[in-house]
Amino acid sequence: KHDFGFEPYLVQLLSKNMKFLCKFRTLNHKLPVEIGRYINIPRNQRYCTLCNNNQLGDEFHFLLECPILSATRKKFIPEYFYKPANVLKFSQLLNSDVTQLNKVCKFIIEGFKLL
C-alpha cells in the first residue's frame, strides 16, 4: 500500500474474496511468519511449512515463490509476477485491477487450504 485511504477493491471484489485478501494483507492468517510470533520463534527461523526449503514463510514466499504452490500459481497469477519474483512485482500484484485481484484471492484461498 502506497497511500493512506480507502481501497476500491473493498467494494469491487466478491465478498468471499475480499475477506481472504483483507486477512492476507493485514497478517490475519496462518502463515509461519505470523504464527511464529505467538510461539516466540525468531523471525528469521519461521520457515515455510509447505516446501521445507528453509525459506521464510511469509506472504511474498507464499504468493510468488513456494514450489508446492507452483501449479496453483500458474492457474491464477501471470508469469510476469513470479519469474523472477521481486518485491516491486509483489507490490504491483497486490495493487492490480479487480479482475487480477479476484484471481489472487482464488490463489490465496487454494493455498490456505494446504496450511
PDB file of N, CA and C in Angstrom:
ATOM      1  N   LYS A   1       0.860  -1.166   0.000  1.00  0.00           N
ATOM      2  CA  LYS A   1       0.000   0.000   0.000  1.00  0.00           C
ATOM      3  C   LYS A   1       0.900   1.220   0.000  1.00  0.00           C
ATOM      4  N   HIS A   2       0.620   2.131  -0.898  1.00  0.00           N
ATOM      5  CA  HIS A   2       1.458   3.313  -1.035  1.00  0.00           C
ATOM      6  C   HIS A   2       0.838   4.559  -0.420  1.00  0.00           C
ATOM      7  N   ASP A   3      -0.474   4.626  -0.421  1.00  0.00           N
ATOM      8  CA  ASP A   3      -1.162   5.806   0.094  1.00  0.00           C
ATOM      9  C   ASP A   3      -2.185   5.395   1.144  1.00  0.00           C
ATOM     10  N   PHE A   4      -2.373   6.277   2.119  1.00  0.00           N
ATOM     11  CA  PHE A   4      -3.401   6.040   3.112  1.00  0.00           C
ATOM     12  C   PHE A   4      -4.745   6.425   2.505  1.00  0.00           C
ATOM     13  N   GLY A   5      -5.685   5.517   2.585  1.00  0.00           N
ATOM     14  CA  GLY A   5      -7.010   5.825   2.060  1.00  0.00           C
ATOM     15  C   GLY A   5      -7.806   4.567   1.781  1.00  0.00           C
ATOM     16  N   PHE A   6      -9.011   4.758   1.400  1.00  0.00           N
ATOM     17  CA  PHE A   6      -9.928   3.663   1.101  1.00  0.00           C
ATOM     18  C   PHE A   6      -9.490   2.961  -0.179  1.00  0.00           C
ATOM     19  N   GLU A   7      -9.465   1.641  -0.152  1.00  0.00           N
ATOM     20  CA  GLU A   7      -9.085   0.856  -1.323  1.00  0.00           C
ATOM     21  C   GLU A   7     -10.347   0.440  -2.082  1.00  0.00           C
ATOM     22  N   PRO A   8     -10.417   0.746  -3.373  1.00  0.00           N
ATOM     23  CA  PRO A   8     -11.614   0.417  -4.163  1.00  0.00           C
ATOM     24  C   PRO A   8     -11.953  -1.075  -4.176  1.00  0.00           C
ATOM     25  N   TYR A   9     -10.939  -1.934  -4.057  1.00  0.00           N
ATOM     26  CA  TYR A   9     -11.227  -3.370  -4.104  1.00  0.00           C
ATOM     27  C   TYR A   9     -12.160  -3.804  -2.974  1.00  0.00           C
ATOM     28  N   LEU A  10     -12.233  -3.012  -1.915  1.00  0.00           N
ATOM     29  CA  LEU A  10     -13.087  -3.381  -0.788  1.00  0.00           C
ATOM     30  C   LEU A  10     -14.566  -3.424  -1.166  1.00  0.00           C
ATOM     31  N   VAL A  11     -14.950  -2.699  -2.194  1.00  0.00           N
ATOM     32  CA  VAL A  11     -16.340  -2.740  -2.639  1.00  0.00           C
ATOM     33  C   VAL A  11     -16.484  -3.393  -4.009  1.00  0.00           C
ATOM     34  N   GLN A  12     -15.376  -3.671  -4.673  1.00  0.00           N
ATOM     35  CA  GLN A  12     -15.432  -4.231  -6.020  1.00  0.00           C
ATOM     36  C   GLN A  12     -15.247  -5.748  -6.049  1.00  0.00           C
ATOM     37  N   LEU A  13     -14.506  -6.294  -5.092  1.00  0.00           N
ATOM     38  CA  LEU A  13     -14.274  -7.736  -5.074  1.00  0.00           C
ATOM     39  C   LEU A  13     -15.504  -8.477  -4.571  1.00  0.00           C
ATOM     40  N   LEU A  14     -15.603  -9.734  -4.945  1.00  0.00           N
ATOM     41  CA  LEU A  14     -16.626 -10.587  -4.359  1.00  0.00           C
ATOM     42  C   LEU A  14     -16.380 -10.638  -2.855  1.00  0.00           C
ATOM     43  N   SER A  15     -17.415 -10.693  -2.052  1.00  0.00           N
ATOM     44  CA  SER A  15     -17.252 -10.589  -0.597  1.00  0.00           C
ATOM     45  C   SER A  15     -16.351 -11.689  -0.029  1.00  0.00           C
ATOM     46  N   LYS A  16     -16.486 -12.912  -0.532  1.00  0.00           N
ATOM     47  CA  LYS A  16     -15.626 -14.005  -0.041  1.00  0.00           C
ATOM     48  C   LYS A  16     -14.164 -13.692  -0.357  1.00  0.00           C
ATOM     49  N   ASN A  17     -13.905 -13.210  -1.554  1.00  0.00           N
ATOM     50  CA  ASN A  17     -12.539 -12.887  -1.945  1.00  0.00           C
ATOM     51  C   ASN A  17     -11.994 -11.720  -1.130  1.00  0.00           C
ATOM     52  N   MET A  18     -12.817 -10.721  -0.905  1.00  0.00           N
ATOM     53  CA  MET A  18     -12.384  -9.566  -0.129  1.00  0.00           C
ATOM     54  C   MET A  18     -11.941  -9.994   1.262  1.00  0.00           C
ATOM     55  N   LYS A  19     -12.682 -10.903   1.847  1.00  0.00           N
ATOM     56  CA  LYS A  19     -12.362 -11.384   3.195  1.00  0.00           C
ATOM     57  C   LYS A  19     -10.961 -11.995   3.219  1.00  0.00           C
ATOM     58  N   PHE A  20     -10.652 -12.848   2.253  1.00  0.00           N
ATOM     59  CA  PHE A  20      -9.341 -13.502   2.235  1.00  0.00           C
ATOM     60  C   PHE A  20      -8.223 -12.521   1.906  1.00  0.00           C
ATOM     61  N   LEU A  21      -8.466 -11.594   1.006  1.00  0.00           N
ATOM     62  CA  LEU A  21      -7.437 -10.614   0.674  1.00  0.00           C
ATOM     63  C   LEU A  21      -7.160  -9.701   1.864  1.00  0.00           C
ATOM     64  N   CYS A  22      -8.195  -9.294   2.555  1.00  0.00           N
ATOM     65  CA  CYS A  22      -8.004  -8.451   3.741  1.00  0.00           C
ATOM     66  C   CYS A  22      -7.216  -9.194   4.817  1.00  0.00           C
ATOM     67  N   LYS A  23      -7.540 -10.447   5.035  1.00  0.00           N
ATOM     68  CA  LYS A  23      -6.795 -11.235   6.017  1.00  0.00           C
ATOM     69  C   LYS A  23      -5.329 -11.358   5.607  1.00  0.00           C
ATOM     70  N   PHE A  24      -5.095 -11.603   4.336  1.00  0.00           N
ATOM     71  CA  PHE A  24      -3.733 -11.744   3.825  1.00  0.00           C
ATOM     72  C   PHE A  24      -2.951 -10.443   4.012  1.00  0.00           C
ATOM     73  N   ARG A  25      -3.563  -9.336   3.660  1.00  0.00           N
ATOM     74  CA  ARG A  25      -2.868  -8.045   3.722  1.00  0.00           C
ATOM     75  C   ARG A  25      -2.695  -7.524   5.138  1.00  0.00           C
ATOM     76  N   THR A  26      -3.532  -7.947   6.065  1.00  0.00           N
ATOM     77  CA  THR A  26      -3.430  -7.459   7.440  1.00  0.00           C
ATOM     78  C   THR A  26      -2.776  -8.467   8.382  1.00  0.00           C
ATOM     79  N   LEU A  27      -2.139  -9.487   7.828  1.00  0.00           N
ATOM     80  CA  LEU A  27      -1.414 -10.502   8.599  1.00  0.00           C
ATOM     81  C   LEU A  27      -2.325 -11.307   9.521  1.00  0.00           C
ATOM     82  N   ASN A  28      -3.565 -11.478   9.128  1.00  0.00           N
ATOM     83  CA  ASN A  28      -4.525 -12.263   9.896  1.00  0.00           C
ATOM     84  C   ASN A  28      -4.668 -13.624   9.216  1.00  0.00           C
ATOM     85  N   HIS A  29      -3.597 -14.405   9.278  1.00  0.00           N
ATOM     86  CA  HIS A  29      -3.555 -15.688   8.582  1.00  0.00           C
ATOM     87  C   HIS A  29      -2.665 -16.668   9.336  1.00  0.00           C
ATOM     88  N   LYS A  30      -2.490 -17.843   8.781  1.00  0.00           N
ATOM     89  CA  LYS A  30      -1.730 -18.879   9.469  1.00  0.00           C
ATOM     90  C   LYS A  30      -0.400 -19.189   8.788  1.00  0.00           C
ATOM     91  N   LEU A  31       0.160 -18.213   8.106  1.00  0.00           N
ATOM     92  CA  LEU A  31       1.492 -18.415   7.536  1.00  0.00           C
ATOM     93  C   LEU A  31       2.503 -18.429   8.678  1.00  0.00           C
ATOM     94  N   PRO A  32       3.590 -19.178   8.519  1.00  0.00           N
ATOM     95  CA  PRO A  32       4.576 -19.308   9.599  1.00  0.00           C
ATOM     96  C   PRO A  32       5.128 -17.975  10.105  1.00  0.00           C
ATOM     97  N   VAL A  33       5.256 -16.987   9.244  1.00  0.00           N
ATOM     98  CA  VAL A  33       5.789 -15.698   9.685  1.00  0.00           C
ATOM     99  C   VAL A  33       4.898 -15.081  10.761  1.00  0.00           C
ATOM    100  N   GLU A  34       3.611 -15.348  10.704  1.00  0.00           N
ATOM    101  CA  GLU A  34       2.687 -14.793  11.688  1.00  0.00           C
ATOM    102  C   GLU A  34       2.515 -15.729  12.883  1.00  0.00           C
ATOM    103  N   ILE A  35       2.312 -17.000  12.631  1.00  0.00           N
ATOM    104  CA  ILE A  35       2.111 -17.973  13.711  1.00  0.00           C
ATOM    105  C   ILE A  35       3.342 -18.037  14.629  1.00  0.00           C
ATOM    106  N   GLY A  36       4.526 -17.935  14.034  1.00  0.00           N
ATOM    107  CA  GLY A  36       5.761 -17.982  14.819  1.00  0.00           C
ATOM    108  C   GLY A  36       5.875 -16.870  15.839  1.00  0.00           C
ATOM    109  N   ARG A  37       5.213 -15.758  15.586  1.00  0.00           N
ATOM    110  CA  ARG A  37       5.217 -14.646  16.558  1.00  0.00           C
ATOM    111  C   ARG A  37       4.652 -15.072  17.888  1.00  0.00           C
ATOM    112  N   TYR A  38       3.617 -15.881  17.831  1.00  0.00           N
ATOM    113  CA  TYR A  38       2.893 -16.237  19.054  1.00  0.00           C
ATOM    114  C   TYR A  38       3.585 -17.320  19.863  1.00  0.00           C
ATOM    115  N   ILE A  39       4.529 -18.012  19.241  1.00  0.00           N
ATOM    116  CA  ILE A  39       5.259 -19.049  19.986  1.00  0.00           C
ATOM    117  C   ILE A  39       6.749 -18.722  20.085  1.00  0.00           C
ATOM    118  N   ASN A  40       7.053 -17.432  19.915  1.00  0.00           N
ATOM    119  CA  ASN A  40       8.396 -16.885  20.124  1.00  0.00           C
ATOM    120  C   ASN A  40       9.489 -17.509  19.264  1.00  0.00           C
ATOM    121  N   ILE A  41       9.171 -17.854  18.039  1.00  0.00           N
ATOM    122  CA  ILE A  41      10.192 -18.306  17.097  1.00  0.00           C
ATOM    123  C   ILE A  41      10.819 -17.058  16.489  1.00  0.00           C
ATOM    124  N   PRO A  42      12.159 -16.963  16.484  1.00  0.00           N
ATOM    125  CA  PRO A  42      12.781 -15.790  15.857  1.00  0.00           C
ATOM    126  C   PRO A  42      12.312 -15.647  14.409  1.00  0.00           C
ATOM    127  N   ARG A  43      12.097 -14.429  13.956  1.00  0.00           N
ATOM    128  CA  ARG A  43      11.539 -14.191  12.619  1.00  0.00           C
ATOM    129  C   ARG A  43      12.315 -14.911  11.530  1.00  0.00           C
ATOM    130  N   ASN A  44      13.631 -14.876  11.597  1.00  0.00           N
ATOM    131  CA  ASN A  44      14.437 -15.498  10.543  1.00  0.00           C
ATOM    132  C   ASN A  44      14.370 -17.026  10.548  1.00  0.00           C
ATOM    133  N   GLN A  45      13.675 -17.612  11.516  1.00  0.00           N
ATOM    134  CA  GLN A  45      13.532 -19.064  11.579  1.00  0.00           C
ATOM    135  C   GLN A  45      12.088 -19.529  11.364  1.00  0.00           C
ATOM    136  N   ARG A  46      11.234 -18.653  10.930  1.00  0.00           N
ATOM    137  CA  ARG A  46       9.823 -19.007  10.688  1.00  0.00           C
ATOM    138  C   ARG A  46       9.682 -19.517   9.256  1.00  0.00           C
ATOM    139  N   TYR A  47      10.175 -20.715   9.042  1.00  0.00           N
ATOM    140  CA  TYR A  47      10.266 -21.291   7.702  1.00  0.00           C
ATOM    141  C   TYR A  47       8.919 -21.776   7.174  1.00  0.00           C
ATOM    142  N   CYS A  48       8.815 -21.780   5.860  1.00  0.00           N
ATOM    143  CA  CYS A  48       7.634 -22.294   5.181  1.00  0.00           C
ATOM    144  C   CYS A  48       7.429 -23.753   5.558  1.00  0.00           C
ATOM    145  N   THR A  49       6.222 -24.090   5.950  1.00  0.00           N
ATOM    146  CA  THR A  49       5.916 -25.468   6.340  1.00  0.00           C
ATOM    147  C   THR A  49       5.404 -26.291   5.156  1.00  0.00           C
ATOM    148  N   LEU A  50       5.219 -25.654   4.019  1.00  0.00           N
ATOM    149  CA  LEU A  50       4.764 -26.380   2.840  1.00  0.00           C
ATOM    150  C   LEU A  50       5.927 -27.003   2.073  1.00  0.00           C
ATOM    151  N   CYS A  51       6.978 -26.211   1.849  1.00  0.00           N
ATOM    152  CA  CYS A  51       8.052 -26.694   0.980  1.00  0.00           C
ATOM    153  C   CYS A  51       9.287 -27.158   1.725  1.00  0.00           C
ATOM    154  N   ASN A  52       9.453 -26.769   2.961  1.00  0.00           N
ATOM    155  CA  ASN A  52      10.622 -27.170   3.750  1.00  0.00           C
ATOM    156  C   ASN A  52      11.951 -26.850   3.062  1.00  0.00           C
ATOM    157  N   ASN A  53      12.013 -25.696   2.376  1.00  0.00           N
ATOM    158  CA  ASN A  53      13.255 -25.259   1.724  1.00  0.00           C
ATOM    159  C   ASN A  53      14.012 -24.240   2.569  1.00  0.00           C
ATOM    160  N   ASN A  54      13.681 -24.174   3.846  1.00  0.00           N
ATOM    161  CA  ASN A  54      14.301 -23.210   4.755  1.00  0.00           C
ATOM    162  C   ASN A  54      14.173 -21.773   4.255  1.00  0.00           C
ATOM    163  N   GLN A  55      13.013 -21.461   3.671  1.00  0.00           N
ATOM    164  CA  GLN A  55      12.688 -20.107   3.236  1.00  0.00           C
ATOM    165  C   GLN A  55      11.692 -19.517   4.234  1.00  0.00           C
ATOM    166  N   LEU A  56      11.828 -18.232   4.488  1.00  0.00           N
ATOM    167  CA  LEU A  56      10.900 -17.561   5.382  1.00  0.00           C
ATOM    168  C   LEU A  56       9.473 -17.746   4.867  1.00  0.00           C
ATOM    169  N   GLY A  57       8.592 -18.224   5.705  1.00  0.00           N
ATOM    170  CA  GLY A  57       7.206 -18.494   5.315  1.00  0.00           C
ATOM    171  C   GLY A  57       6.356 -17.249   5.404  1.00  0.00           C
ATOM    172  N   ASP A  58       6.686 -16.257   4.596  1.00  0.00           N
ATOM    173  CA  ASP A  58       5.948 -15.000   4.615  1.00  0.00           C
ATOM    174  C   ASP A  58       5.029 -14.883   3.398  1.00  0.00           C
ATOM    175  N   GLU A  59       4.365 -13.752   3.275  1.00  0.00           N
ATOM    176  CA  GLU A  59       3.404 -13.530   2.197  1.00  0.00           C
ATOM    177  C   GLU A  59       4.074 -13.563   0.827  1.00  0.00           C
ATOM    178  N   PHE A  60       5.261 -12.988   0.735  1.00  0.00           N
ATOM    179  CA  PHE A  60       5.993 -12.963  -0.532  1.00  0.00           C
ATOM    180  C   PHE A  60       6.305 -14.383  -0.996  1.00  0.00           C
ATOM    181  N   HIS A  61       6.854 -15.190  -0.106  1.00  0.00           N
ATOM    182  CA  HIS A  61       7.188 -16.574  -0.453  1.00  0.00           C
ATOM    183  C   HIS A  61       5.930 -17.354  -0.832  1.00  0.00           C
ATOM    184  N   PHE A  62       4.896 -17.206  -0.041  1.00  0.00           N
ATOM    185  CA  PHE A  62       3.638 -17.905  -0.290  1.00  0.00           C
ATOM    186  C   PHE A  62       3.071 -17.562  -1.660  1.00  0.00           C
ATOM    187  N   LEU A  63       3.002 -16.282  -1.965  1.00  0.00           N
ATOM    188  CA  LEU A  63       2.358 -15.827  -3.194  1.00  0.00           C
ATOM    189  C   LEU A  63       3.207 -16.049  -4.444  1.00  0.00           C
ATOM    190  N   LEU A  64       4.515 -15.893  -4.347  1.00  0.00           N
ATOM    191  CA  LEU A  64       5.335 -15.876  -5.556  1.00  0.00           C
ATOM    192  C   LEU A  64       6.445 -16.920  -5.640  1.00  0.00           C
ATOM    193  N   GLU A  65       6.791 -17.587  -4.562  1.00  0.00           N
ATOM    194  CA  GLU A  65       7.961 -18.460  -4.600  1.00  0.00           C
ATOM    195  C   GLU A  65       7.751 -19.926  -4.234  1.00  0.00           C
ATOM    196  N   CYS A  66       6.889 -20.232  -3.314  1.00  0.00           N
ATOM    197  CA  CYS A  66       6.789 -21.594  -2.784  1.00  0.00           C
ATOM    198  C   CYS A  66       6.545 -22.607  -3.913  1.00  0.00           C
ATOM    199  N   PRO A  67       7.460 -23.569  -4.076  1.00  0.00           N
ATOM    200  CA  PRO A  67       7.321 -24.538  -5.165  1.00  0.00           C
ATOM    201  C   PRO A  67       6.096 -25.447  -5.033  1.00  0.00           C
ATOM    202  N   ILE A  68       5.619 -25.666  -3.833  1.00  0.00           N
ATOM    203  CA  ILE A  68       4.441 -26.512  -3.630  1.00  0.00           C
ATOM    204  C   ILE A  68       3.206 -25.869  -4.263  1.00  0.00           C
ATOM    205  N   LEU A  69       3.198 -24.563  -4.347  1.00  0.00           N
ATOM    206  CA  LEU A  69       2.053 -23.837  -4.892  1.00  0.00           C
ATOM    207  C   LEU A  69       2.235 -23.454  -6.356  1.00  0.00           C
ATOM    208  N   SER A  70       3.252 -23.975  -7.017  1.00  0.00           N
ATOM    209  CA  SER A  70       3.555 -23.541  -8.387  1.00  0.00           C
ATOM    210  C   SER A  70       2.424 -23.862  -9.370  1.00  0.00           C
ATOM    211  N   ALA A  71       1.794 -25.010  -9.279  1.00  0.00           N
ATOM    212  CA  ALA A  71       0.700 -25.348 -10.201  1.00  0.00           C
ATOM    213  C   ALA A  71      -0.487 -24.408  -9.981  1.00  0.00           C
ATOM    214  N   THR A  72      -0.804 -24.139  -8.732  1.00  0.00           N
ATOM    215  CA  THR A  72      -1.894 -23.218  -8.411  1.00  0.00           C
ATOM    216  C   THR A  72      -1.531 -21.813  -8.872  1.00  0.00           C
ATOM    217  N   ARG A  73      -0.293 -21.427  -8.658  1.00  0.00           N
ATOM    218  CA  ARG A  73       0.173 -20.103  -9.085  1.00  0.00           C
ATOM    219  C   ARG A  73       0.006 -19.926 -10.586  1.00  0.00           C
ATOM    220  N   LYS A  74       0.359 -20.937 -11.358  1.00  0.00           N
ATOM    221  CA  LYS A  74       0.237 -20.865 -12.820  1.00  0.00           C
ATOM    222  C   LYS A  74      -1.208 -20.653 -13.256  1.00  0.00           C
ATOM    223  N   LYS A  75      -2.165 -21.181 -12.489  1.00  0.00           N
ATOM    224  CA  LYS A  75      -3.583 -21.036 -12.826  1.00  0.00           C
ATOM    225  C   LYS A  75      -4.083 -19.615 -12.602  1.00  0.00           C
ATOM    226  N   PHE A  76      -3.556 -18.932 -11.608  1.00  0.00           N
ATOM    227  CA  PHE A  76      -4.159 -17.672 -11.181  1.00  0.00           C
ATOM    228  C   PHE A  76      -3.296 -16.420 -11.326  1.00  0.00           C
ATOM    229  N   ILE A  77      -1.996 -16.581 -11.425  1.00  0.00           N
ATOM    230  CA  ILE A  77      -1.106 -15.415 -11.424  1.00  0.00           C
ATOM    231  C   ILE A  77      -0.265 -15.405 -12.695  1.00  0.00           C
ATOM    232  N   PRO A  78      -0.237 -14.290 -13.419  1.00  0.00           N
ATOM    233  CA  PRO A  78       0.581 -14.210 -14.631  1.00  0.00           C
ATOM    234  C   PRO A  78       2.067 -14.447 -14.323  1.00  0.00           C
ATOM    235  N   GLU A  79       2.730 -15.115 -15.228  1.00  0.00           N
ATOM    236  CA  GLU A  79       4.133 -15.471 -15.061  1.00  0.00           C
ATOM    237  C   GLU A  79       5.025 -14.254 -14.800  1.00  0.00           C
ATOM    238  N   TYR A  80       4.661 -13.133 -15.361  1.00  0.00           N
ATOM    239  CA  TYR A  80       5.434 -11.906 -15.170  1.00  0.00           C
ATOM    240  C   TYR A  80       5.744 -11.653 -13.696  1.00  0.00           C
ATOM    241  N   PHE A  81       4.793 -11.924 -12.812  1.00  0.00           N
ATOM    242  CA  PHE A  81       4.945 -11.596 -11.400  1.00  0.00           C
ATOM    243  C   PHE A  81       5.881 -12.531 -10.647  1.00  0.00           C
ATOM    244  N   TYR A  82       6.038 -13.760 -11.100  1.00  0.00           N
ATOM    245  CA  TYR A  82       6.860 -14.689 -10.336  1.00  0.00           C
ATOM    246  C   TYR A  82       8.109 -15.200 -11.060  1.00  0.00           C
ATOM    247  N   LYS A  83       8.348 -14.767 -12.269  1.00  0.00           N
ATOM    248  CA  LYS A  83       9.556 -15.196 -12.993  1.00  0.00           C
ATOM    249  C   LYS A  83      10.305 -13.995 -13.512  1.00  0.00           C
ATOM    250  N   PRO A  84      11.315 -13.513 -12.851  1.00  0.00           N
ATOM    251  CA  PRO A  84      11.672 -13.766 -11.452  1.00  0.00           C
ATOM    252  C   PRO A  84      10.830 -12.888 -10.515  1.00  0.00           C
ATOM    253  N   ALA A  85      10.628 -13.372  -9.337  1.00  0.00           N
ATOM    254  CA  ALA A  85       9.845 -12.640  -8.341  1.00  0.00           C
ATOM    255  C   ALA A  85      10.709 -11.571  -7.687  1.00  0.00           C
ATOM    256  N   ASN A  86      10.090 -10.446  -7.400  1.00  0.00           N
ATOM    257  CA  ASN A  86      10.763  -9.417  -6.601  1.00  0.00           C
ATOM    258  C   ASN A  86       9.704  -8.592  -5.880  1.00  0.00           C
ATOM    259  N   VAL A  87      10.155  -7.778  -4.964  1.00  0.00           N
ATOM    260  CA  VAL A  87       9.236  -7.016  -4.115  1.00  0.00           C
ATOM    261  C   VAL A  87       8.408  -6.020  -4.921  1.00  0.00           C
ATOM    262  N   LEU A  88       8.993  -5.434  -5.945  1.00  0.00           N
ATOM    263  CA  LEU A  88       8.247  -4.497  -6.779  1.00  0.00           C
ATOM    264  C   LEU A  88       7.073  -5.195  -7.472  1.00  0.00           C
ATOM    265  N   LYS A  89       7.318  -6.380  -8.030  1.00  0.00           N
ATOM    266  CA  LYS A  89       6.243  -7.142  -8.682  1.00  0.00           C
ATOM    267  C   LYS A  89       5.192  -7.595  -7.667  1.00  0.00           C
ATOM    268  N   PHE A  90       5.648  -7.935  -6.471  1.00  0.00           N
ATOM    269  CA  PHE A  90       4.730  -8.319  -5.400  1.00  0.00           C
ATOM    270  C   PHE A  90       3.781  -7.159  -5.104  1.00  0.00           C
ATOM    271  N   SER A  91       4.330  -5.967  -4.985  1.00  0.00           N
ATOM    272  CA  SER A  91       3.524  -4.781  -4.737  1.00  0.00           C
ATOM    273  C   SER A  91       2.575  -4.505  -5.904  1.00  0.00           C
ATOM    274  N   GLN A  92       3.073  -4.627  -7.124  1.00  0.00           N
ATOM    275  CA  GLN A  92       2.232  -4.418  -8.303  1.00  0.00           C
ATOM    276  C   GLN A  92       1.069  -5.403  -8.327  1.00  0.00           C
ATOM    277  N   LEU A  93       1.346  -6.648  -7.987  1.00  0.00           N
ATOM    278  CA  LEU A  93       0.301  -7.670  -7.996  1.00  0.00           C
ATOM    279  C   LEU A  93      -0.790  -7.346  -6.990  1.00  0.00           C
ATOM    280  N   LEU A  94      -0.392  -6.935  -5.790  1.00  0.00           N
ATOM    281  CA  LEU A  94      -1.382  -6.632  -4.759  1.00  0.00           C
ATOM    282  C   LEU A  94      -2.091  -5.301  -4.997  1.00  0.00           C
ATOM    283  N   ASN A  95      -1.638  -4.549  -5.973  1.00  0.00           N
ATOM    284  CA  ASN A  95      -2.300  -3.297  -6.344  1.00  0.00           C
ATOM    285  C   ASN A  95      -2.860  -3.377  -7.762  1.00  0.00           C
ATOM    286  N   SER A  96      -3.127  -4.587  -8.222  1.00  0.00           N
ATOM    287  CA  SER A  96      -3.650  -4.817  -9.574  1.00  0.00           C
ATOM    288  C   SER A  96      -5.111  -4.408  -9.678  1.00  0.00           C
ATOM    289  N   ASP A  97      -5.638  -4.560 -10.884  1.00  0.00           N
ATOM    290  CA  ASP A  97      -7.059  -4.286 -11.092  1.00  0.00           C
ATOM    291  C   ASP A  97      -7.900  -5.383 -10.447  1.00  0.00           C
ATOM    292  N   VAL A  98      -9.180  -5.145 -10.373  1.00  0.00           N
ATOM    293  CA  VAL A  98     -10.088  -6.050  -9.665  1.00  0.00           C
ATOM    294  C   VAL A  98     -10.107  -7.450 -10.271  1.00  0.00           C
ATOM    295  N   THR A  99     -10.024  -7.548 -11.580  1.00  0.00           N
ATOM    296  CA  THR A  99     -10.021  -8.868 -12.225  1.00  0.00           C
ATOM    297  C   THR A  99      -8.841  -9.693 -11.744  1.00  0.00           C
ATOM    298  N   GLN A 100      -7.654  -9.085 -11.730  1.00  0.00           N
ATOM    299  CA  GLN A 100      -6.463  -9.804 -11.274  1.00  0.00           C
ATOM    300  C   GLN A 100      -6.532 -10.072  -9.781  1.00  0.00           C
ATOM    301  N   LEU A 101      -7.041  -9.129  -9.006  1.00  0.00           N
ATOM    302  CA  LEU A 101      -7.143  -9.346  -7.560  1.00  0.00           C
ATOM    303  C   LEU A 101      -8.091 -10.494  -7.229  1.00  0.00           C
ATOM    304  N   ASN A 102      -9.155 -10.673  -8.003  1.00  0.00           N
ATOM    305  CA  ASN A 102     -10.036 -11.826  -7.785  1.00  0.00           C
ATOM    306  C   ASN A 102      -9.272 -13.122  -8.009  1.00  0.00           C
ATOM    307  N   LYS A 103      -8.377 -13.138  -8.989  1.00  0.00           N
ATOM    308  CA  LYS A 103      -7.562 -14.327  -9.238  1.00  0.00           C
ATOM    309  C   LYS A 103      -6.553 -14.542  -8.110  1.00  0.00           C
ATOM    310  N   VAL A 104      -5.980 -13.466  -7.625  1.00  0.00           N
ATOM    311  CA  VAL A 104      -5.062 -13.566  -6.489  1.00  0.00           C
ATOM    312  C   VAL A 104      -5.800 -14.145  -5.281  1.00  0.00           C
ATOM    313  N   CYS A 105      -7.023 -13.694  -5.071  1.00  0.00           N
ATOM    314  CA  CYS A 105      -7.832 -14.203  -3.960  1.00  0.00           C
ATOM    315  C   CYS A 105      -8.085 -15.698  -4.107  1.00  0.00           C
ATOM    316  N   LYS A 106      -8.373 -16.141  -5.315  1.00  0.00           N
ATOM    317  CA  LYS A 106      -8.590 -17.572  -5.540  1.00  0.00           C
ATOM    318  C   LYS A 106      -7.321 -18.352  -5.229  1.00  0.00           C
ATOM    319  N   PHE A 107      -6.173 -17.792  -5.604  1.00  0.00           N
ATOM    320  CA  PHE A 107      -4.898 -18.437  -5.275  1.00  0.00           C
ATOM    321  C   PHE A 107      -4.717 -18.522  -3.758  1.00  0.00           C
ATOM    322  N   ILE A 108      -4.970 -17.432  -3.059  1.00  0.00           N
ATOM    323  CA  ILE A 108      -4.823 -17.412  -1.607  1.00  0.00           C
ATOM    324  C   ILE A 108      -5.736 -18.445  -0.955  1.00  0.00           C
ATOM    325  N   ILE A 109      -6.978 -18.511  -1.418  1.00  0.00           N
ATOM    326  CA  ILE A 109      -7.940 -19.474  -0.862  1.00  0.00           C
ATOM    327  C   ILE A 109      -7.437 -20.900  -1.065  1.00  0.00           C
ATOM    328  N   GLU A 110      -6.971 -21.205  -2.276  1.00  0.00           N
ATOM    329  CA  GLU A 110      -6.449 -22.558  -2.557  1.00  0.00           C
ATOM    330  C   GLU A 110      -5.211 -22.845  -1.714  1.00  0.00           C
ATOM    331  N   GLY A 111      -4.312 -21.877  -1.623  1.00  0.00           N
ATOM    332  CA  GLY A 111      -3.093 -22.068  -0.851  1.00  0.00           C
ATOM    333  C   GLY A 111      -3.346 -22.238   0.623  1.00  0.00           C
ATOM    334  N   PHE A 112      -4.271 -21.484   1.173  1.00  0.00           N
ATOM    335  CA  PHE A 112      -4.585 -21.585   2.605  1.00  0.00           C
ATOM    336  C   PHE A 112      -5.156 -22.958   2.946  1.00  0.00           C
ATOM    337  N   LYS A 113      -5.747 -23.634   1.995  1.00  0.00           N
ATOM    338  CA  LYS A 113      -6.289 -24.980   2.260  1.00  0.00           C
ATOM    339  C   LYS A 113      -5.164 -25.952   2.604  1.00  0.00           C
ATOM    340  N   LEU A 114      -3.958 -25.656   2.150  1.00  0.00           N
ATOM    341  CA  LEU A 114      -2.827 -26.553   2.388  1.00  0.00           C
ATOM    342  C   LEU A 114      -2.123 -26.300   3.714  1.00  0.00           C
ATOM    343  N   LEU A 115      -2.425 -25.174   4.339  1.00  0.00           N
ATOM    344  CA  LEU A 115      -1.750 -24.843   5.607  1.00  0.00           C
ATOM    345  C   LEU A 115      -2.280 -25.670   6.751  1.00  0.00           C
TER     346      LEU A 115
END
